[in-house]
Protein backbone atom coordinates (compact mmCIF):
# COMPACT_ATOMS: atom_id res chain seq x y z
CA MET A 1 -5.03 -33.10 60.68
CA PRO A 2 -6.77 -30.58 58.40
CA TYR A 3 -5.24 -29.51 55.12
CA LYS A 4 -2.75 -26.71 55.73
CA LYS A 5 -1.28 -24.18 53.37
CA GLU A 6 0.77 -21.07 53.94
CA ILE A 7 -0.37 -18.11 51.92
CA GLU A 8 1.97 -15.15 51.62
CA LYS A 9 0.82 -11.57 51.94
CA GLU A 10 1.52 -10.85 48.26
CA TRP A 11 -0.64 -13.76 47.11
CA VAL A 12 -3.57 -12.58 49.21
CA ALA A 13 -3.20 -9.00 48.04
CA GLU A 14 -3.27 -10.13 44.41
CA SER A 15 -6.35 -12.24 45.01
CA ILE A 16 -8.51 -9.68 46.83
CA THR A 17 -8.96 -6.27 45.24
CA ASP A 18 -10.48 -4.44 48.22
CA GLN A 19 -7.51 -3.18 50.25
CA ARG A 20 -9.58 -2.92 53.43
CA ILE A 21 -10.51 -6.59 53.12
CA VAL A 22 -6.90 -7.51 52.39
CA GLU A 23 -5.99 -5.93 55.72
CA TYR A 24 -8.64 -7.89 57.58
CA ALA A 25 -7.64 -11.12 55.87
CA GLN A 26 -3.98 -10.62 56.74
CA ASN A 27 -4.79 -9.96 60.39
CA ALA A 28 -7.69 -12.34 60.84
CA THR A 29 -8.77 -15.05 63.28
CA ILE A 30 -7.59 -16.88 66.37
CA VAL A 31 -4.03 -17.93 67.18
CA ILE A 32 -3.67 -21.64 66.44
CA ASN A 33 -1.51 -22.67 69.36
CA LYS A 34 -4.16 -21.74 71.93
CA TYR A 35 -6.40 -24.59 70.83
CA ASP A 36 -6.37 -28.17 69.62
CA VAL A 37 -5.82 -27.90 65.85
CA ASN A 38 -8.33 -30.70 65.34
CA ASP A 39 -11.10 -28.87 67.20
CA THR A 40 -12.67 -26.89 64.39
CA SER A 41 -15.29 -25.45 66.73
CA ALA A 42 -12.56 -23.38 68.34
CA TYR A 43 -12.20 -21.12 65.33
CA GLN A 44 -14.33 -18.43 63.76
CA SER A 45 -14.71 -18.38 60.01
CA LEU A 46 -13.00 -15.77 57.86
CA VAL A 47 -16.41 -14.46 56.83
CA GLU A 48 -17.45 -13.91 60.45
CA ILE A 49 -14.20 -12.19 61.30
CA VAL A 50 -14.20 -9.90 58.29
CA SER A 51 -17.85 -8.99 58.82
CA ALA A 52 -17.13 -8.19 62.46
CA LYS A 53 -14.06 -6.15 61.43
CA VAL A 54 -11.92 -7.88 64.05
CA ARG A 55 -8.21 -7.16 63.77
CA PHE A 56 -5.16 -8.89 65.22
CA ASP A 57 -1.52 -7.83 65.12
CA SER A 58 0.30 -11.03 66.07
CA LYS A 59 3.11 -12.25 63.81
CA LEU A 60 2.10 -15.86 64.44
CA PHE A 61 0.22 -18.05 62.02
CA TYR A 62 -3.53 -17.92 62.20
CA ARG A 63 -5.88 -20.72 61.35
CA ILE A 64 -8.82 -19.87 59.15
CA GLN A 65 -11.75 -22.17 58.63
CA ILE A 66 -14.00 -21.28 55.73
CA LYS A 67 -17.70 -21.79 56.32
CA THR A 68 -19.52 -24.43 54.38
CA GLY A 69 -23.25 -24.56 53.89
CA GLU A 70 -25.76 -22.47 52.02
CA THR A 71 -25.72 -18.82 51.02
CA ASP A 72 -27.71 -16.58 48.74
CA VAL A 73 -25.54 -16.00 45.68
CA LYS A 74 -26.98 -13.93 42.83
CA LYS A 75 -30.44 -14.58 44.29
CA ASN A 76 -30.00 -18.35 43.91
CA GLU A 77 -29.48 -20.75 46.78
CA VAL A 78 -26.13 -22.44 46.23
CA ARG A 79 -24.74 -25.24 48.35
CA HIS A 80 -21.02 -24.53 48.72
CA LYS A 81 -20.28 -28.13 49.59
CA ASP A 82 -21.70 -29.30 46.26
CA LEU A 83 -19.52 -27.00 44.16
CA ASN A 84 -15.92 -27.38 43.16
CA TYR A 85 -13.55 -24.42 43.48
CA ASP A 86 -14.03 -23.14 39.92
CA GLU A 87 -17.81 -23.39 40.10
CA LEU A 88 -17.90 -21.64 43.43
CA LYS A 89 -15.62 -18.90 42.17
CA ALA A 90 -17.81 -18.37 39.11
CA SER A 91 -21.01 -18.27 41.14
CA VAL A 92 -19.67 -15.79 43.67
CA ASN A 93 -17.53 -13.51 41.51
CA GLY A 94 -18.87 -9.97 41.50
CA THR A 95 -21.34 -10.49 44.33
CA GLU A 96 -20.99 -9.91 48.05
CA THR A 97 -17.58 -8.73 49.22
CA LEU A 98 -17.42 -11.24 52.06
CA TYR A 99 -17.84 -14.16 49.74
CA ASN A 100 -15.29 -12.64 47.37
CA VAL A 101 -12.88 -12.71 50.30
CA THR A 102 -13.61 -16.38 50.82
CA ILE A 103 -12.79 -17.09 47.19
CA GLY A 104 -9.80 -14.74 47.20
CA VAL A 105 -7.97 -16.75 49.82
CA GLU A 106 -9.03 -20.09 48.35
CA TRP A 107 -11.70 -22.43 49.60
CA TYR A 108 -11.38 -26.09 50.45
CA LYS A 109 -14.31 -28.36 51.26
CA GLU A 110 -14.62 -28.60 55.03
CA GLU A 111 -10.88 -28.11 55.39
CA SER A 112 -8.70 -25.40 56.80
CA PHE A 113 -5.50 -23.59 55.92
CA TYR A 114 -3.20 -21.00 57.35
CA ILE A 115 -2.68 -17.43 56.34
CA LYS A 116 0.63 -15.85 57.31
CA ASN A 117 0.48 -12.38 58.80
CA VAL A 118 3.67 -10.72 57.51
């Protein structure tokens, strides 16, 4: 089973400075009990959801899978999967909001966690 971690609303709010993005993060993604928790293809990434401005109001836990792969960060191609958390945070800090969201709610290599909508 993927790595799981509950993240409280206060922690997320402290980690992401854009209040609009905090709202999206707190209300993001697909309800976990509708799908097999081991089927990662069943879930959209936080970046996709935030960029699409999708909102949910359920009080259930939501599963968020962070995208891995390549992205243009400060005009340099960076492979997320080759960076540890601190390196990724340093390379992304101050750039695109969506990637700041990814860092703000923590990023784990090809793993998933839960964010609690409270």
